[in-house]
Amino acid sequence: MARTLVIITGRVQGVGFRWGTLEEAERLGVSGSVRNETDGTVRVEVEGDRTDELIEWLRHGPRYAEVENIELRDIPETGEAGFKVG
């Protein structure tokens, strides 16, 4: 099982993106984290059996988000449990 780093650009801060991601990650049972970056992007790290489903959700995000692009990169898995908002 791989861990994926996802960088999301667009109108993704101030629209509930982190909390929506947390809710969706918990629903899917994947682990990882989500945080806002100073450049206006959102950074997500995710691992688990349903990672692809969370990535698909990240392509549009919550109701008021306007996702312009997502960048995906495989990174080493950590085996952590749970999903955190930073």
Protein backbone atom coordinates (compact mmCIF):
# COMPACT_ATOMS: atom_id res chain seq x y z
CA MET A 1 0.00 0.00 0.00
CA ALA A 2 1.49 3.37 -1.01
CA ARG A 3 1.09 6.80 0.49
CA THR A 4 0.16 9.64 -1.82
CA LEU A 5 0.97 13.32 -1.49
CA VAL A 6 -1.68 15.53 -3.08
CA ILE A 7 -1.23 19.28 -3.61
CA ILE A 8 -4.49 21.04 -4.47
CA THR A 9 -4.60 24.49 -6.07
CA GLY A 10 -7.47 26.87 -6.68
CA ARG A 11 -9.92 28.43 -4.25
CA VAL A 12 -9.26 25.81 -1.60
CA GLN A 13 -8.63 27.79 1.59
CA GLY A 14 -11.43 29.37 3.61
CA VAL A 15 -14.06 27.05 2.09
CA GLY A 16 -14.00 24.15 4.58
CA PHE A 17 -11.63 22.06 2.48
CA ARG A 18 -9.65 20.63 5.42
CA TRP A 19 -12.73 19.69 7.42
CA GLY A 20 -14.48 18.22 4.39
CA THR A 21 -11.37 16.17 3.65
CA LEU A 22 -11.29 14.92 7.26
CA GLU A 23 -14.93 13.88 7.06
CA GLU A 24 -14.45 12.07 3.75
CA ALA A 25 -11.22 10.38 4.91
CA GLU A 26 -12.92 9.10 8.05
CA ARG A 27 -15.88 7.84 6.02
CA LEU A 28 -13.48 5.95 3.72
CA GLY A 29 -11.28 4.67 6.55
CA VAL A 30 -8.01 6.05 5.16
CA SER A 31 -5.22 7.61 7.22
CA GLY A 32 -3.08 10.68 6.71
CA SER A 33 -3.32 14.42 7.13
CA VAL A 34 -4.48 17.66 5.53
CA ARG A 35 -3.17 21.19 6.03
CA ASN A 36 -3.21 24.64 4.45
CA GLU A 37 0.07 25.87 3.01
CA THR A 38 1.27 29.49 3.03
CA ASP A 39 1.16 29.60 -0.79
CA GLY A 40 -2.64 29.11 -0.77
CA THR A 41 -2.62 25.41 -1.62
CA VAL A 42 -3.89 22.50 0.44
CA ARG A 43 -1.53 19.58 1.12
CA VAL A 44 -2.97 16.11 1.72
CA GLU A 45 -1.09 12.93 2.55
CA VAL A 46 -3.19 9.78 2.38
CA GLU A 47 -2.72 6.03 2.60
CA GLY A 48 -5.10 3.12 2.79
CA ASP A 49 -7.15 0.77 0.67
CA ARG A 50 -9.52 3.50 -0.52
CA THR A 51 -6.96 6.21 -1.30
CA ASP A 52 -8.16 6.48 -4.91
CA GLU A 53 -11.67 7.32 -3.71
CA LEU A 54 -10.41 10.17 -1.52
CA ILE A 55 -8.27 11.49 -4.39
CA GLU A 56 -11.34 11.48 -6.62
CA TRP A 57 -13.22 13.53 -3.98
CA LEU A 58 -10.27 15.96 -3.75
CA ARG A 59 -10.67 16.74 -7.46
CA HIS A 60 -13.76 18.82 -6.58
CA GLY A 61 -13.61 19.16 -2.79
CA PRO A 62 -16.41 20.62 -0.67
CA ARG A 63 -19.31 22.68 -1.95
CA TYR A 64 -17.67 26.13 -2.15
CA ALA A 65 -14.22 25.03 -3.32
CA GLU A 66 -12.99 25.67 -6.84
CA VAL A 67 -10.24 23.14 -7.55
CA GLU A 68 -8.03 24.18 -10.45
CA ASN A 69 -5.44 21.42 -10.31
CA ILE A 70 -4.16 18.54 -8.22
CA GLU A 71 -0.61 17.21 -8.23
CA LEU A 72 0.00 13.61 -7.13
CA ARG A 73 3.24 12.07 -5.93
CA ASP A 74 3.96 8.71 -4.30
CA ILE A 75 5.82 9.01 -1.01
CA PRO A 76 6.91 6.41 1.57
CA GLU A 77 4.08 5.01 3.66
CA THR A 78 4.13 5.60 7.41
CA GLY A 79 1.59 3.10 8.66
CA GLU A 80 -0.03 5.76 10.85
CA ALA A 81 -3.60 5.37 12.02
CA GLY A 82 -6.28 8.02 11.77
CA PHE A 83 -6.51 11.25 9.84
CA LYS A 84 -5.38 14.64 11.17
CA VAL A 85 -6.07 18.26 10.32
CA GLY A 86 -3.08 20.57 10.60
